């Protein structure tokens, strides 16, 4: 296996979950149906904030120079976009619990697991939520804000591809590839479970209505 194959395998294995995480119900689930600009931006900012903190901590802990640089760069990127989102509305904040996927990231112990979970799975979740934040802002007529979120989404979309090359460096045997893929699919599964559970508690079906 190589990095590109791992990213493709993760996408394929979690295709259904990723599709639903990018549906119009994503903002409903992330905000608890508080469909106002402050809560919508806060939901995205909490995800970026939790990811940034986790990646920054990993950058301090890892001995692999390539991974350290990648974690630090990604942490800075997420933190910058978090701040940009928070600046868009006085009611936006990172207060409250981080999304479950952030808790799942923090269970990753080895560098291959952390690269796959933090630089593949997290961006795949984040860019799908940001897509629906963009749609919300466009519908609300906040077009400059939508452009700000588009910039953030573009950076997240690029991360898995960059992580593929890094995985080729940090995975040295079959065991590394297996644990890395498991870490990524588990993180995506956790993100979907939170999405589905939240919607179910609200009496909404997480599956798309055909």
Foldseek 3Di string as FASTA:
>chain_A
DFLVVLLVVLCVVCVQLLVLLLDLCVQCLLQVNPLDLQSLLQSLLLLLQLLLVLLQVVLVVDPDPVSNVLSNVSSVLSNVLSVVSCVVDVSHDNPDDRAQLSVLLVVDDDSLQNLLSNQRQSLSSSLSSLNSSLVSCVVVVVNVSSVSSVVSSVVSVCRSVVSRNVSNVRDDDPVSSVSNSVSNNVSSVSNSVSSQVSQVVVVHHSHDDD
